[in-house]
C-alpha atoms as a PDB file:
ATOM      1  CA  MET A   1      61.643 -22.664   0.028  1.00  0.00           C
ATOM      2  CA  GLU A   2      60.866 -25.180   2.738  1.00  0.00           C
ATOM      3  CA  LYS A   3      59.254 -28.583   2.343  1.00  0.00           C
ATOM      4  CA  PHE A   4      57.525 -30.648   5.024  1.00  0.00           C
ATOM      5  CA  SER A   5      56.213 -34.205   4.963  1.00  0.00           C
ATOM      6  CA  LEU A   6      52.862 -34.001   6.698  1.00  0.00           C
ATOM      7  CA  ASP A   7      52.672 -37.816   6.613  1.00  0.00           C
ATOM      8  CA  ALA A   8      55.970 -38.125   8.514  1.00  0.00           C
ATOM      9  CA  LEU A   9      55.029 -35.362  10.970  1.00  0.00           C
ATOM     10  CA  GLY A  10      51.654 -37.013  11.492  1.00  0.00           C
ATOM     11  CA  ARG A  11      53.244 -40.381  12.294  1.00  0.00           C
ATOM     12  CA  GLU A  12      55.717 -38.724  14.674  1.00  0.00           C
ATOM     13  CA  HIS A  13      53.007 -36.828  16.549  1.00  0.00           C
ATOM     14  CA  LEU A  14      50.657 -39.815  16.710  1.00  0.00           C
ATOM     15  CA  GLU A  15      53.459 -41.730  18.427  1.00  0.00           C
ATOM     16  CA  ARG A  16      53.969 -38.846  20.863  1.00  0.00           C
ATOM     17  CA  ALA A  17      50.217 -38.578  21.509  1.00  0.00           C
ATOM     18  CA  ARG A  18      50.026 -42.299  22.308  1.00  0.00           C
ATOM     19  CA  GLY A  19      52.547 -41.754  25.107  1.00  0.00           C
ATOM     20  CA  ALA A  20      51.229 -38.414  26.362  1.00  0.00           C
ATOM     21  CA  SER A  21      48.950 -38.214  29.391  1.00  0.00           C
ATOM     22  CA  SER A  22      46.924 -35.574  27.499  1.00  0.00           C
ATOM     23  CA  GLY A  23      46.391 -37.941  24.558  1.00  0.00           C
ATOM     24  CA  ARG A  24      47.614 -35.351  22.076  1.00  0.00           C
ATOM     25  CA  SER A  25      50.695 -33.809  20.512  1.00  0.00           C
ATOM     26  CA  ALA A  26      51.066 -30.681  18.389  1.00  0.00           C
ATOM     27  CA  ALA A  27      53.698 -28.519  16.741  1.00  0.00           C
ATOM     28  CA  THR A  28      53.711 -25.438  14.558  1.00  0.00           C
ATOM     29  CA  VAL A  29      54.667 -26.429  11.011  1.00  0.00           C
ATOM     30  CA  TYR A  30      54.714 -22.922   9.591  1.00  0.00           C
ATOM     31  CA  GLY A  31      54.316 -19.423  10.966  1.00  0.00           C
ATOM     32  CA  GLY A  32      53.889 -18.437  14.560  1.00  0.00           C
ATOM     33  CA  HIS A  33      53.495 -15.222  16.491  1.00  0.00           C
ATOM     34  CA  GLU A  34      55.530 -13.202  13.983  1.00  0.00           C
ATOM     35  CA  HIS A  35      53.308 -14.258  11.030  1.00  0.00           C
ATOM     36  CA  MET A  36      49.657 -13.746  10.153  1.00  0.00           C
ATOM     37  CA  LEU A  37      49.438 -17.344   8.850  1.00  0.00           C
ATOM     38  CA  ARG A  38      50.055 -20.287  11.177  1.00  0.00           C
ATOM     39  CA  GLN A  39      49.802 -23.991  10.409  1.00  0.00           C
ATOM     40  CA  THR A  40      49.865 -26.520  13.228  1.00  0.00           C
ATOM     41  CA  ILE A  41      49.849 -30.294  13.067  1.00  0.00           C
ATOM     42  CA  ILE A  42      47.799 -31.889  15.848  1.00  0.00           C
ATOM     43  CA  ALA A  43      47.616 -35.594  16.706  1.00  0.00           C
ATOM     44  CA  MET A  44      44.845 -36.802  19.002  1.00  0.00           C
ATOM     45  CA  MET A  45      43.958 -40.154  20.540  1.00  0.00           C
ATOM     46  CA  PRO A  46      40.330 -41.366  20.543  1.00  0.00           C
ATOM     47  CA  GLU A  47      38.037 -39.444  22.910  1.00  0.00           C
ATOM     48  CA  THR A  48      40.596 -36.668  23.373  1.00  0.00           C
ATOM     49  CA  ILE A  49      39.048 -33.186  23.380  1.00  0.00           C
ATOM     50  CA  LEU A  50      40.526 -29.797  22.574  1.00  0.00           C
ATOM     51  CA  ALA A  51      38.398 -27.877  25.057  1.00  0.00           C
ATOM     52  CA  GLU A  52      36.105 -25.089  23.944  1.00  0.00           C
ATOM     53  CA  HIS A  53      38.014 -22.013  22.817  1.00  0.00           C
ATOM     54  CA  GLU A  54      37.695 -18.888  20.695  1.00  0.00           C
ATOM     55  CA  ASN A  55      38.654 -18.784  17.034  1.00  0.00           C
ATOM     56  CA  PRO A  56      41.570 -16.303  16.760  1.00  0.00           C
ATOM     57  CA  GLY A  57      40.973 -15.590  13.060  1.00  0.00           C
ATOM     58  CA  GLU A  58      39.928 -17.316   9.869  1.00  0.00           C
ATOM     59  CA  SER A  59      40.766 -20.990  10.229  1.00  0.00           C
ATOM     60  CA  THR A  60      40.358 -24.437   8.738  1.00  0.00           C
ATOM     61  CA  LEU A  61      40.958 -28.012   9.840  1.00  0.00           C
ATOM     62  CA  HIS A  62      42.241 -30.487   7.242  1.00  0.00           C
ATOM     63  CA  ILE A  63      41.806 -34.022   8.534  1.00  0.00           C
ATOM     64  CA  LEU A  64      44.864 -35.982   7.392  1.00  0.00           C
ATOM     65  CA  VAL A  65      44.134 -39.193   9.318  1.00  0.00           C
ATOM     66  CA  GLY A  66      41.146 -40.415  11.301  1.00  0.00           C
ATOM     67  CA  ARG A  67      37.812 -38.902  12.242  1.00  0.00           C
ATOM     68  CA  ILE A  68      36.898 -35.916  14.410  1.00  0.00           C
ATOM     69  CA  ARG A  69      33.853 -33.958  15.539  1.00  0.00           C
ATOM     70  CA  LEU A  70      33.827 -30.142  15.628  1.00  0.00           C
ATOM     71  CA  VAL A  71      31.238 -28.733  18.043  1.00  0.00           C
ATOM     72  CA  ALA A  72      30.114 -25.097  18.152  1.00  0.00           C
ATOM     73  CA  GLY A  73      27.170 -24.477  20.453  1.00  0.00           C
ATOM     74  CA  GLU A  74      24.306 -26.774  19.481  1.00  0.00           C
ATOM     75  CA  THR A  75      25.808 -27.610  16.073  1.00  0.00           C
ATOM     76  CA  SER A  76      28.371 -30.310  15.321  1.00  0.00           C
ATOM     77  CA  TRP A  77      30.096 -31.570  12.197  1.00  0.00           C
ATOM     78  CA  GLU A  78      31.913 -34.864  11.689  1.00  0.00           C
ATOM     79  CA  ALA A  79      34.862 -35.056   9.343  1.00  0.00           C
ATOM     80  CA  ARG A  80      37.236 -37.801   8.259  1.00  0.00           C
ATOM     81  CA  SER A  81      40.496 -38.223   6.361  1.00  0.00           C
ATOM     82  CA  GLY A  82      40.591 -35.912   3.350  1.00  0.00           C
ATOM     83  CA  ASP A  83      37.897 -33.529   4.622  1.00  0.00           C
ATOM     84  CA  LEU A  84      38.445 -29.809   5.144  1.00  0.00           C
ATOM     85  CA  LEU A  85      36.317 -27.981   7.716  1.00  0.00           C
ATOM     86  CA  VAL A  86      35.979 -24.217   7.849  1.00  0.00           C
ATOM     87  CA  ILE A  87      35.948 -23.433  11.559  1.00  0.00           C
ATOM     88  CA  PRO A  88      33.107 -21.125  12.589  1.00  0.00           C
ATOM     89  CA  SER A  89      33.954 -17.815  14.244  1.00  0.00           C
ATOM     90  CA  ALA A  90      32.078 -18.989  17.372  1.00  0.00           C
ATOM     91  CA  ARG A  91      33.532 -20.754  20.416  1.00  0.00           C
ATOM     92  CA  HIS A  92      34.106 -24.392  19.559  1.00  0.00           C
ATOM     93  CA  GLU A  93      35.780 -27.639  20.601  1.00  0.00           C
ATOM     94  CA  VAL A  94      37.331 -30.534  18.695  1.00  0.00           C
ATOM     95  CA  GLN A  95      36.738 -34.169  19.691  1.00  0.00           C
ATOM     96  CA  ALA A  96      38.729 -37.109  18.310  1.00  0.00           C
ATOM     97  CA  VAL A  97      36.411 -39.969  17.376  1.00  0.00           C
ATOM     98  CA  GLU A  98      39.417 -42.159  16.478  1.00  0.00           C
ATOM     99  CA  GLU A  99      43.200 -41.677  16.250  1.00  0.00           C
ATOM    100  CA  SER A 100      43.469 -38.496  14.212  1.00  0.00           C
ATOM    101  CA  VAL A 101      45.980 -36.122  12.679  1.00  0.00           C
ATOM    102  CA  LEU A 102      44.816 -32.611  11.773  1.00  0.00           C
ATOM    103  CA  LEU A 103      46.380 -29.662  10.026  1.00  0.00           C
ATOM    104  CA  LEU A 104      45.040 -26.492  11.620  1.00  0.00           C
ATOM    105  CA  THR A 105      45.513 -23.380   9.466  1.00  0.00           C
ATOM    106  CA  VAL A 106      44.860 -19.980  11.049  1.00  0.00           C
ATOM    107  CA  ALA A 107      45.065 -16.579   9.397  1.00  0.00           C
ATOM    108  CA  LEU A 108      45.115 -14.106  12.261  1.00  0.00           C
ATOM    109  CA  LEU A 109      42.911 -11.067  11.933  1.00  0.00           C
ATOM    110  CA  ALA A 110      44.905  -7.841  11.767  1.00  0.00           C
END
């Protein structure tokens, strides 16, 4: 069994994001290319955008800290700390409204 502190990882990646020219920092917490399930922690500075991209499988965003906006086409959803968003299967982007830490969970389609 493995145990991770998402709070500690979130603090670490927020610090990295503050110093990054991209305004973000991310790392795989669990899974990867050899697994169907992948969980990634993502820290984003205000106004940082994860550009529009495809959804590679079933996925959710758990907002651990801050506030974000998920945009898919003409529809957008705002979420804040404690919220869980089910990501639509359409192309989408993620915008940080304030300093944010997200846990992205993806179950790849077989």
